Amino acid sequence: DGSAYMHAFGPVGRAHGPLPFQHYWLRAADEGDAGSLAEYSLNE
């Protein structure tokens, strides 16, 4: 109760080089520097 997330249409973040966005987001999360995934989704 109280939790919420969105499966939004469209991209979440931008790819860079050969990698999709989630790898850079995961690295930043490990380092404590990432926002929530939702912050990188225009649709959400």
All heavy atoms as atom14 arrays in JSON, in Angstrom:
{
  "sequence": "DGSAYMHAFGPVGRAHGPLPFQHYWLRAADEGDAGSLAEYSLNE",
  "atom14_mask": [
    [1, 1, 1, 1, 1, 1, 1, 1, 0, 0, 0, 0, 0, 0],
    [1, 1, 1, 1, 0, 0, 0, 0, 0, 0, 0, 0, 0, 0],
    [1, 1, 1, 1, 1, 1, 0, 0, 0, 0, 0, 0, 0, 0],
    [1, 1, 1, 1, 1, 0, 0, 0, 0, 0, 0, 0, 0, 0],
    [1, 1, 1, 1, 1, 1, 1, 1, 1, 1, 1, 1, 0, 0],
    [1, 1, 1, 1, 1, 1, 1, 1, 0, 0, 0, 0, 0, 0],
    [1, 1, 1, 1, 1, 1, 1, 1, 1, 1, 0, 0, 0, 0],
    [1, 1, 1, 1, 1, 0, 0, 0, 0, 0, 0, 0, 0, 0],
    [1, 1, 1, 1, 1, 1, 1, 1, 1, 1, 1, 0, 0, 0],
    [1, 1, 1, 1, 0, 0, 0, 0, 0, 0, 0, 0, 0, 0],
    [1, 1, 1, 1, 1, 1, 1, 0, 0, 0, 0, 0, 0, 0],
    [1, 1, 1, 1, 1, 1, 1, 0, 0, 0, 0, 0, 0, 0],
    [1, 1, 1, 1, 0, 0, 0, 0, 0, 0, 0, 0, 0, 0],
    [1, 1, 1, 1, 1, 1, 1, 1, 1, 1, 1, 0, 0, 0],
    [1, 1, 1, 1, 1, 0, 0, 0, 0, 0, 0, 0, 0, 0],
    [1, 1, 1, 1, 1, 1, 1, 1, 1, 1, 0, 0, 0, 0],
    [1, 1, 1, 1, 0, 0, 0, 0, 0, 0, 0, 0, 0, 0],
    [1, 1, 1, 1, 1, 1, 1, 0, 0, 0, 0, 0, 0, 0],
    [1, 1, 1, 1, 1, 1, 1, 1, 0, 0, 0, 0, 0, 0],
    [1, 1, 1, 1, 1, 1, 1, 0, 0, 0, 0, 0, 0, 0],
    [1, 1, 1, 1, 1, 1, 1, 1, 1, 1, 1, 0, 0, 0],
    [1, 1, 1, 1, 1, 1, 1, 1, 1, 0, 0, 0, 0, 0],
    [1, 1, 1, 1, 1, 1, 1, 1, 1, 1, 0, 0, 0, 0],
    [1, 1, 1, 1, 1, 1, 1, 1, 1, 1, 1, 1, 0, 0],
    [1, 1, 1, 1, 1, 1, 1, 1, 1, 1, 1, 1, 1, 1],
    [1, 1, 1, 1, 1, 1, 1, 1, 0, 0, 0, 0, 0, 0],
    [1, 1, 1, 1, 1, 1, 1, 1, 1, 1, 1, 0, 0, 0],
    [1, 1, 1, 1, 1, 0, 0, 0, 0, 0, 0, 0, 0, 0],
    [1, 1, 1, 1, 1, 0, 0, 0, 0, 0, 0, 0, 0, 0],
    [1, 1, 1, 1, 1, 1, 1, 1, 0, 0, 0, 0, 0, 0],
    [1, 1, 1, 1, 1, 1, 1, 1, 1, 0, 0, 0, 0, 0],
    [1, 1, 1, 1, 0, 0, 0, 0, 0, 0, 0, 0, 0, 0],
    [1, 1, 1, 1, 1, 1, 1, 1, 0, 0, 0, 0, 0, 0],
    [1, 1, 1, 1, 1, 0, 0, 0, 0, 0, 0, 0, 0, 0],
    [1, 1, 1, 1, 0, 0, 0, 0, 0, 0, 0, 0, 0, 0],
    [1, 1, 1, 1, 1, 1, 0, 0, 0, 0, 0, 0, 0, 0],
    [1, 1, 1, 1, 1, 1, 1, 1, 0, 0, 0, 0, 0, 0],
    [1, 1, 1, 1, 1, 0, 0, 0, 0, 0, 0, 0, 0, 0],
    [1, 1, 1, 1, 1, 1, 1, 1, 1, 0, 0, 0, 0, 0],
    [1, 1, 1, 1, 1, 1, 1, 1, 1, 1, 1, 1, 0, 0],
    [1, 1, 1, 1, 1, 1, 0, 0, 0, 0, 0, 0, 0, 0],
    [1, 1, 1, 1, 1, 1, 1, 1, 0, 0, 0, 0, 0, 0],
    [1, 1, 1, 1, 1, 1, 1, 1, 0, 0, 0, 0, 0, 0],
    [1, 1, 1, 1, 1, 1, 1, 1, 1, 0, 0, 0, 0, 0]
  ],
  "atom14_positions": [
    [[0.83, -1.2, 0.0], [0.0, 0.0, 0.0], [0.87, 1.25, 0.0], [1.85, 1.35, 0.75], [-0.92, 0.0, 1.21], [-1.99, -1.08, 1.13], [-2.25, -1.57, 0.01], [-2.56, -1.44, 2.18], [0.0, 0.0, 0.0], [0.0, 0.0, 0.0], [0.0, 0.0, 0.0], [0.0, 0.0, 0.0], [0.0, 0.0, 0.0], [0.0, 0.0, 0.0]],
    [[0.52, 2.2, -0.84], [1.27, 3.45, -0.95], [2.33, 3.44, -2.02], [2.85, 4.5, -2.39], [0.0, 0.0, 0.0], [0.0, 0.0, 0.0], [0.0, 0.0, 0.0], [0.0, 0.0, 0.0], [0.0, 0.0, 0.0], [0.0, 0.0, 0.0], [0.0, 0.0, 0.0], [0.0, 0.0, 0.0], [0.0, 0.0, 0.0], [0.0, 0.0, 0.0]],
    [[2.65, 2.27, -2.55], [3.65, 2.19, -3.63], [2.99, 2.46, -4.97], [1.79, 2.26, -5.14], [4.31, 0.81, -3.65], [3.35, -0.19, -4.01], [0.0, 0.0, 0.0], [0.0, 0.0, 0.0], [0.0, 0.0, 0.0], [0.0, 0.0, 0.0], [0.0, 0.0, 0.0], [0.0, 0.0, 0.0], [0.0, 0.0, 0.0], [0.0, 0.0, 0.0]],
    [[3.77, 2.92, -5.93], [3.25, 3.16, -7.29], [4.41, 3.31, -8.25], [5.45, 3.87, -7.92], [2.38, 4.41, -7.33], [0.0, 0.0, 0.0], [0.0, 0.0, 0.0], [0.0, 0.0, 0.0], [0.0, 0.0, 0.0], [0.0, 0.0, 0.0], [0.0, 0.0, 0.0], [0.0, 0.0, 0.0], [0.0, 0.0, 0.0], [0.0, 0.0, 0.0]],
    [[4.22, 2.78, -9.43], [5.15, 3.0, -10.53], [4.32, 3.0, -11.81], [3.14, 2.65, -11.8], [6.24, 1.92, -10.58], [5.77, 0.58, -11.08], [5.88, 0.22, -12.44], [5.21, -0.35, -10.22], [5.44, -1.01, -12.9], [4.77, -1.59, -10.67], [4.89, -1.92, -12.02], [4.46, -3.13, -12.48], [0.0, 0.0, 0.0], [0.0, 0.0, 0.0]],
    [[4.94, 3.39, -12.91], [4.22, 3.45, -14.17], [4.97, 2.7, -15.26], [6.18, 2.79, -15.37], [4.01, 4.91, -14.61], [3.11, 5.06, -15.83], [2.68, 6.79, -16.21], [1.55, 7.16, -14.86], [0.0, 0.0, 0.0], [0.0, 0.0, 0.0], [0.0, 0.0, 0.0], [0.0, 0.0, 0.0], [0.0, 0.0, 0.0], [0.0, 0.0, 0.0]],
    [[4.22, 1.91, -16.01], [4.72, 1.37, -17.28], [4.26, 2.37, -18.34], [3.13, 2.33, -18.82], [4.16, -0.02, -17.55], [4.49, -0.55, -18.91], [3.86, -1.63, -19.47], [5.4, -0.13, -19.85], [4.34, -1.85, -20.68], [5.26, -0.95, -20.93], [0.0, 0.0, 0.0], [0.0, 0.0, 0.0], [0.0, 0.0, 0.0], [0.0, 0.0, 0.0]],
    [[5.15, 3.29, -18.67], [4.83, 4.35, -19.62], [5.26, 3.95, -21.02], [6.23, 3.21, -21.19], [5.53, 5.65, -19.21], [0.0, 0.0, 0.0], [0.0, 0.0, 0.0], [0.0, 0.0, 0.0], [0.0, 0.0, 0.0], [0.0, 0.0, 0.0], [0.0, 0.0, 0.0], [0.0, 0.0, 0.0], [0.0, 0.0, 0.0], [0.0, 0.0, 0.0]],
    [[4.54, 4.43, -22.01], [4.94, 4.19, -23.39], [6.16, 5.05, -23.71], [6.41, 6.08, -23.08], [3.8, 4.54, -24.34], [2.51, 3.82, -24.06], [1.3, 4.5, -24.06], [2.51, 2.46, -23.78], [0.11, 3.85, -23.8], [1.31, 1.79, -23.51], [0.12, 2.49, -23.52], [0.0, 0.0, 0.0], [0.0, 0.0, 0.0], [0.0, 0.0, 0.0]],
    [[6.88, 4.63, -24.72], [7.99, 5.45, -25.19], [9.29, 5.17, -24.45], [9.35, 4.34, -23.54], [0.0, 0.0, 0.0], [0.0, 0.0, 0.0], [0.0, 0.0, 0.0], [0.0, 0.0, 0.0], [0.0, 0.0, 0.0], [0.0, 0.0, 0.0], [0.0, 0.0, 0.0], [0.0, 0.0, 0.0], [0.0, 0.0, 0.0], [0.0, 0.0, 0.0]],
    [[10.34, 5.89, -24.82], [11.66, 5.62, -24.25], [11.77, 6.06, -22.8], [11.05, 6.96, -22.34], [12.6, 6.45, -25.15], [11.74, 7.56, -25.67], [10.37, 6.96, -25.84], [0.0, 0.0, 0.0], [0.0, 0.0, 0.0], [0.0, 0.0, 0.0], [0.0, 0.0, 0.0], [0.0, 0.0, 0.0], [0.0, 0.0, 0.0], [0.0, 0.0, 0.0]],
    [[12.66, 5.41, -22.09], [13.07, 5.83, -20.76], [14.57, 6.09, -20.86], [15.37, 5.15, -21.0], [12.77, 4.77, -19.7], [13.32, 5.2, -18.33], [11.27, 4.51, -19.6], [0.0, 0.0, 0.0], [0.0, 0.0, 0.0], [0.0, 0.0, 0.0], [0.0, 0.0, 0.0], [0.0, 0.0, 0.0], [0.0, 0.0, 0.0], [0.0, 0.0, 0.0]],
    [[14.96, 7.34, -20.82], [16.37, 7.69, -21.01], [16.82, 7.5, -22.45], [16.05, 7.11, -23.33], [0.0, 0.0, 0.0], [0.0, 0.0, 0.0], [0.0, 0.0, 0.0], [0.0, 0.0, 0.0], [0.0, 0.0, 0.0], [0.0, 0.0, 0.0], [0.0, 0.0, 0.0], [0.0, 0.0, 0.0], [0.0, 0.0, 0.0], [0.0, 0.0, 0.0]],
    [[18.11, 7.8, -22.68], [18.69, 7.66, -24.01], [19.81, 6.63, -23.98], [20.56, 6.52, -23.02], [19.28, 9.0, -24.49], [18.27, 10.03, -24.87], [18.93, 11.2, -25.61], [19.81, 11.99, -24.74], [21.13, 11.99, -24.8], [21.77, 11.19, -25.66], [21.85, 12.78, -24.01], [0.0, 0.0, 0.0], [0.0, 0.0, 0.0], [0.0, 0.0, 0.0]],
    [[19.88, 5.88, -25.06], [21.01, 4.96, -25.21], [22.28, 5.77, -25.43], [22.24, 6.94, -25.84], [20.76, 4.02, -26.39], [0.0, 0.0, 0.0], [0.0, 0.0, 0.0], [0.0, 0.0, 0.0], [0.0, 0.0, 0.0], [0.0, 0.0, 0.0], [0.0, 0.0, 0.0], [0.0, 0.0, 0.0], [0.0, 0.0, 0.0], [0.0, 0.0, 0.0]],
    [[23.42, 5.14, -25.16], [24.71, 5.78, -25.43], [25.66, 4.72, -25.95], [25.89, 3.7, -25.3], [25.28, 6.42, -24.16], [26.59, 7.12, -24.38], [26.68, 8.36, -25.01], [27.87, 6.75, -24.08], [27.95, 8.72, -25.07], [28.69, 7.76, -24.53], [0.0, 0.0, 0.0], [0.0, 0.0, 0.0], [0.0, 0.0, 0.0], [0.0, 0.0, 0.0]],
    [[26.19, 4.96, -27.13], [27.07, 3.96, -27.73], [26.29, 2.67, -27.95], [25.15, 2.69, -28.41], [0.0, 0.0, 0.0], [0.0, 0.0, 0.0], [0.0, 0.0, 0.0], [0.0, 0.0, 0.0], [0.0, 0.0, 0.0], [0.0, 0.0, 0.0], [0.0, 0.0, 0.0], [0.0, 0.0, 0.0], [0.0, 0.0, 0.0], [0.0, 0.0, 0.0]],
    [[26.87, 1.53, -27.6], [26.2, 0.25, -27.86], [25.22, -0.14, -26.77], [24.56, -1.18, -26.9], [27.37, -0.74, -27.9], [28.37, -0.16, -26.94], [28.25, 1.35, -27.1], [0.0, 0.0, 0.0], [0.0, 0.0, 0.0], [0.0, 0.0, 0.0], [0.0, 0.0, 0.0], [0.0, 0.0, 0.0], [0.0, 0.0, 0.0], [0.0, 0.0, 0.0]],
    [[25.11, 0.66, -25.7], [24.34, 0.23, -24.54], [23.02, 0.98, -24.41], [22.98, 2.2, -24.6], [25.14, 0.44, -23.25], [26.45, -0.33, -23.09], [27.04, -0.04, -21.72], [26.24, -1.82, -23.3], [0.0, 0.0, 0.0], [0.0, 0.0, 0.0], [0.0, 0.0, 0.0], [0.0, 0.0, 0.0], [0.0, 0.0, 0.0], [0.0, 0.0, 0.0]],
    [[21.95, 0.28, -24.03], [20.72, 0.97, -23.68], [20.89, 1.72, -22.37], [21.82, 1.47, -21.58], [19.7, -0.16, -23.55], [20.5, -1.39, -23.25], [21.81, -1.19, -23.95], [0.0, 0.0, 0.0], [0.0, 0.0, 0.0], [0.0, 0.0, 0.0], [0.0, 0.0, 0.0], [0.0, 0.0, 0.0], [0.0, 0.0, 0.0], [0.0, 0.0, 0.0]],
    [[19.97, 2.61, -22.11], [20.07, 3.54, -20.98], [20.23, 2.86, -19.64], [20.94, 3.37, -18.75], [18.82, 4.43, -20.97], [18.7, 5.32, -19.77], [19.46, 6.47, -19.66], [17.82, 5.0, -18.74], [19.36, 7.31, -18.56], [17.71, 5.83, -17.63], [18.48, 6.98, -17.54], [0.0, 0.0, 0.0], [0.0, 0.0, 0.0], [0.0, 0.0, 0.0]],
    [[19.58, 1.7, -19.45], [19.54, 1.15, -18.09], [20.91, 0.85, -17.51], [21.11, 0.9, -16.3], [18.66, -0.11, -18.02], [19.28, -1.38, -18.58], [18.67, -1.75, -19.91], [18.09, -0.9, -20.59], [18.77, -3.01, -20.29], [0.0, 0.0, 0.0], [0.0, 0.0, 0.0], [0.0, 0.0, 0.0], [0.0, 0.0, 0.0], [0.0, 0.0, 0.0]],
    [[21.9, 0.57, -18.37], [23.22, 0.26, -17.83], [23.87, 1.5, -17.2], [24.53, 1.4, -16.15], [24.12, -0.31, -18.93], [23.69, -1.67, -19.37], [23.93, -2.8, -18.63], [23.0, -2.08, -20.47], [23.43, -3.86, -19.26], [22.86, -3.44, -20.39], [0.0, 0.0, 0.0], [0.0, 0.0, 0.0], [0.0, 0.0, 0.0], [0.0, 0.0, 0.0]],
    [[23.68, 2.67, -17.79], [24.2, 3.9, -17.2], [23.4, 4.28, -15.96], [23.96, 4.77, -14.97], [24.16, 5.02, -18.24], [25.09, 4.73, -19.4], [24.61, 4.15, -20.57], [26.45, 4.98, -19.29], [25.46, 3.84, -21.62], [27.32, 4.69, -20.34], [26.82, 4.12, -21.49], [27.68, 3.8, -22.53], [0.0, 0.0, 0.0], [0.0, 0.0, 0.0]],
    [[22.11, 4.04, -16.0], [21.27, 4.3, -14.83], [21.64, 3.37, -13.68], [21.73, 3.82, -12.51], [19.8, 4.14, -15.22], [18.85, 4.35, -14.07], [18.53, 5.53, -13.49], [18.1, 3.33, -13.4], [17.61, 5.33, -12.48], [17.33, 3.99, -12.4], [17.99, 1.96, -13.54], [16.47, 3.3, -11.55], [17.13, 1.26, -12.69], [16.38, 1.93, -11.71]],
    [[21.88, 2.1, -13.97], [22.27, 1.16, -12.93], [23.62, 1.54, -12.32], [23.81, 1.47, -11.09], [22.34, -0.26, -13.5], [20.99, -0.92, -13.82], [21.2, -2.18, -14.66], [20.23, -1.25, -12.53], [0.0, 0.0, 0.0], [0.0, 0.0, 0.0], [0.0, 0.0, 0.0], [0.0, 0.0, 0.0], [0.0, 0.0, 0.0], [0.0, 0.0, 0.0]],
    [[24.55, 1.96, -13.15], [25.85, 2.39, -12.62], [25.66, 3.59, -11.7], [26.2, 3.64, -10.58], [26.8, 2.75, -13.76], [28.13, 3.31, -13.24], [28.92, 4.05, -14.29], [29.85, 4.99, -13.66], [30.65, 5.8, -14.33], [30.6, 5.83, -15.66], [31.45, 6.62, -13.68], [0.0, 0.0, 0.0], [0.0, 0.0, 0.0], [0.0, 0.0, 0.0]],
    [[24.9, 4.58, -12.17], [24.68, 5.78, -11.35], [23.96, 5.43, -10.05], [24.25, 6.01, -8.99], [23.88, 6.81, -12.14], [0.0, 0.0, 0.0], [0.0, 0.0, 0.0], [0.0, 0.0, 0.0], [0.0, 0.0, 0.0], [0.0, 0.0, 0.0], [0.0, 0.0, 0.0], [0.0, 0.0, 0.0], [0.0, 0.0, 0.0], [0.0, 0.0, 0.0]],
    [[23.03, 4.48, -10.11], [22.33, 4.06, -8.9], [23.31, 3.42, -7.91], [23.22, 3.67, -6.7], [21.21, 3.09, -9.26], [0.0, 0.0, 0.0], [0.0, 0.0, 0.0], [0.0, 0.0, 0.0], [0.0, 0.0, 0.0], [0.0, 0.0, 0.0], [0.0, 0.0, 0.0], [0.0, 0.0, 0.0], [0.0, 0.0, 0.0], [0.0, 0.0, 0.0]],
    [[24.21, 2.61, -8.42], [25.21, 2.0, -7.55], [26.07, 3.07, -6.86], [26.51, 2.9, -5.72], [26.13, 1.07, -8.36], [25.43, -0.21, -8.77], [24.38, -0.53, -8.17], [25.92, -0.89, -9.7], [0.0, 0.0, 0.0], [0.0, 0.0, 0.0], [0.0, 0.0, 0.0], [0.0, 0.0, 0.0], [0.0, 0.0, 0.0], [0.0, 0.0, 0.0]],
    [[26.29, 4.17, -7.57], [27.13, 5.25, -7.03], [26.32, 6.29, -6.27], [26.88, 7.28, -5.78], [27.89, 5.92, -8.19], [28.85, 4.98, -8.91], [29.46, 5.58, -10.17], [29.05, 6.71, -10.55], [30.32, 4.93, -10.78], [0.0, 0.0, 0.0], [0.0, 0.0, 0.0], [0.0, 0.0, 0.0], [0.0, 0.0, 0.0], [0.0, 0.0, 0.0]],
    [[25.01, 6.07, -6.17], [24.16, 6.99, -5.43], [23.83, 8.27, -6.15], [23.4, 9.25, -5.51], [0.0, 0.0, 0.0], [0.0, 0.0, 0.0], [0.0, 0.0, 0.0], [0.0, 0.0, 0.0], [0.0, 0.0, 0.0], [0.0, 0.0, 0.0], [0.0, 0.0, 0.0], [0.0, 0.0, 0.0], [0.0, 0.0, 0.0], [0.0, 0.0, 0.0]],
    [[23.97, 8.29, -7.47], [23.8, 9.54, -8.23], [22.62, 9.52, -9.2], [22.45, 10.47, -9.96], [25.08, 9.85, -9.02], [26.27, 10.12, -8.12], [26.06, 10.64, -7.01], [27.4, 9.79, -8.51], [0.0, 0.0, 0.0], [0.0, 0.0, 0.0], [0.0, 0.0, 0.0], [0.0, 0.0, 0.0], [0.0, 0.0, 0.0], [0.0, 0.0, 0.0]],
    [[21.82, 8.46, -9.19], [20.73, 8.36, -10.17], [19.42, 8.84, -9.58], [19.13, 8.65, -8.4], [20.58, 6.91, -10.63], [0.0, 0.0, 0.0], [0.0, 0.0, 0.0], [0.0, 0.0, 0.0], [0.0, 0.0, 0.0], [0.0, 0.0, 0.0], [0.0, 0.0, 0.0], [0.0, 0.0, 0.0], [0.0, 0.0, 0.0], [0.0, 0.0, 0.0]],
    [[18.6, 9.46, -10.43], [17.22, 9.73, -10.04], [16.4, 8.47, -10.21], [16.9, 7.42, -10.63], [0.0, 0.0, 0.0], [0.0, 0.0, 0.0], [0.0, 0.0, 0.0], [0.0, 0.0, 0.0], [0.0, 0.0, 0.0], [0.0, 0.0, 0.0], [0.0, 0.0, 0.0], [0.0, 0.0, 0.0], [0.0, 0.0, 0.0], [0.0, 0.0, 0.0]],
    [[15.12, 8.55, -9.88], [14.25, 7.41, -10.12], [14.11, 7.19, -11.62], [14.28, 8.12, -12.42], [12.87, 7.65, -9.5], [12.19, 8.69, -10.2], [0.0, 0.0, 0.0], [0.0, 0.0, 0.0], [0.0, 0.0, 0.0], [0.0, 0.0, 0.0], [0.0, 0.0, 0.0], [0.0, 0.0, 0.0], [0.0, 0.0, 0.0], [0.0, 0.0, 0.0]],
    [[13.81, 5.98, -12.01], [13.65, 5.68, -13.43], [12.6, 6.58, -14.07], [12.74, 7.0, -15.23], [13.27, 4.21, -13.58], [13.46, 3.57, -14.96], [14.93, 3.57, -15.37], [12.91, 2.15, -14.95], [0.0, 0.0, 0.0], [0.0, 0.0, 0.0], [0.0, 0.0, 0.0], [0.0, 0.0, 0.0], [0.0, 0.0, 0.0], [0.0, 0.0, 0.0]],
    [[11.58, 6.91, -13.31], [10.49, 7.74, -13.83], [10.95, 9.11, -14.28], [10.35, 9.72, -15.17], [9.4, 7.89, -12.77], [0.0, 0.0, 0.0], [0.0, 0.0, 0.0], [0.0, 0.0, 0.0], [0.0, 0.0, 0.0], [0.0, 0.0, 0.0], [0.0, 0.0, 0.0], [0.0, 0.0, 0.0], [0.0, 0.0, 0.0], [0.0, 0.0, 0.0]],
    [[12.02, 9.62, -13.68], [12.49, 10.97, -14.02], [13.02, 11.06, -15.44], [13.18, 12.17, -15.97], [13.58, 11.4, -13.03], [13.08, 11.59, -11.61], [14.2, 11.97, -10.66], [14.92, 12.94, -10.97], [14.37, 11.31, -9.62], [0.0, 0.0, 0.0], [0.0, 0.0, 0.0], [0.0, 0.0, 0.0], [0.0, 0.0, 0.0], [0.0, 0.0, 0.0]],
    [[13.29, 9.93, -16.07], [13.86, 9.92, -17.41], [12.83, 9.52, -18.47], [13.19, 9.23, -19.61], [15.06, 8.97, -17.45], [16.09, 9.32, -16.38], [16.11, 8.63, -15.17], [16.99, 10.36, -16.57], [17.03, 8.96, -14.18], [17.92, 10.69, -15.58], [17.92, 9.98, -14.39], [18.82, 10.32, -13.41], [0.0, 0.0, 0.0], [0.0, 0.0, 0.0]],
    [[11.56, 9.49, -18.09], [10.48, 9.14, -19.01], [9.6, 10.36, -19.26], [8.91, 10.83, -18.34], [9.63, 8.0, -18.43], [8.4, 7.88, -19.13], [0.0, 0.0, 0.0], [0.0, 0.0, 0.0], [0.0, 0.0, 0.0], [0.0, 0.0, 0.0], [0.0, 0.0, 0.0], [0.0, 0.0, 0.0], [0.0, 0.0, 0.0], [0.0, 0.0, 0.0]],
    [[9.62, 10.89, -20.47], [8.76, 12.02, -20.8], [7.29, 11.65, -20.64], [6.49, 12.43, -20.11], [9.02, 12.48, -22.25], [8.09, 13.57, -22.79], [8.18, 14.85, -21.96], [8.38, 13.85, -24.26], [0.0, 0.0, 0.0], [0.0, 0.0, 0.0], [0.0, 0.0, 0.0], [0.0, 0.0, 0.0], [0.0, 0.0, 0.0], [0.0, 0.0, 0.0]],
    [[6.92, 10.45, -21.1], [5.52, 10.04, -21.0], [5.04, 10.0, -19.55], [3.94, 10.45, -19.23], [5.32, 8.68, -21.67], [4.92, 8.8, -23.12], [5.47, 9.61, -23.85], [3.97, 7.99, -23.55], [0.0, 0.0, 0.0], [0.0, 0.0, 0.0], [0.0, 0.0, 0.0], [0.0, 0.0, 0.0], [0.0, 0.0, 0.0], [0.0, 0.0, 0.0]],
    [[5.87, 9.44, -18.67], [5.43, 9.36, -17.28], [5.34, 10.74, -16.65], [4.38, 11.05, -15.93], [6.35, 8.48, -16.45], [5.92, 8.46, -14.98], [6.46, 7.3, -14.17], [7.16, 6.43, -14.75], [6.18, 7.25, -12.96], [0.0, 0.0, 0.0], [0.0, 0.0, 0.0], [0.0, 0.0, 0.0], [0.0, 0.0, 0.0], [0.0, 0.0, 0.0]]
  ]
}
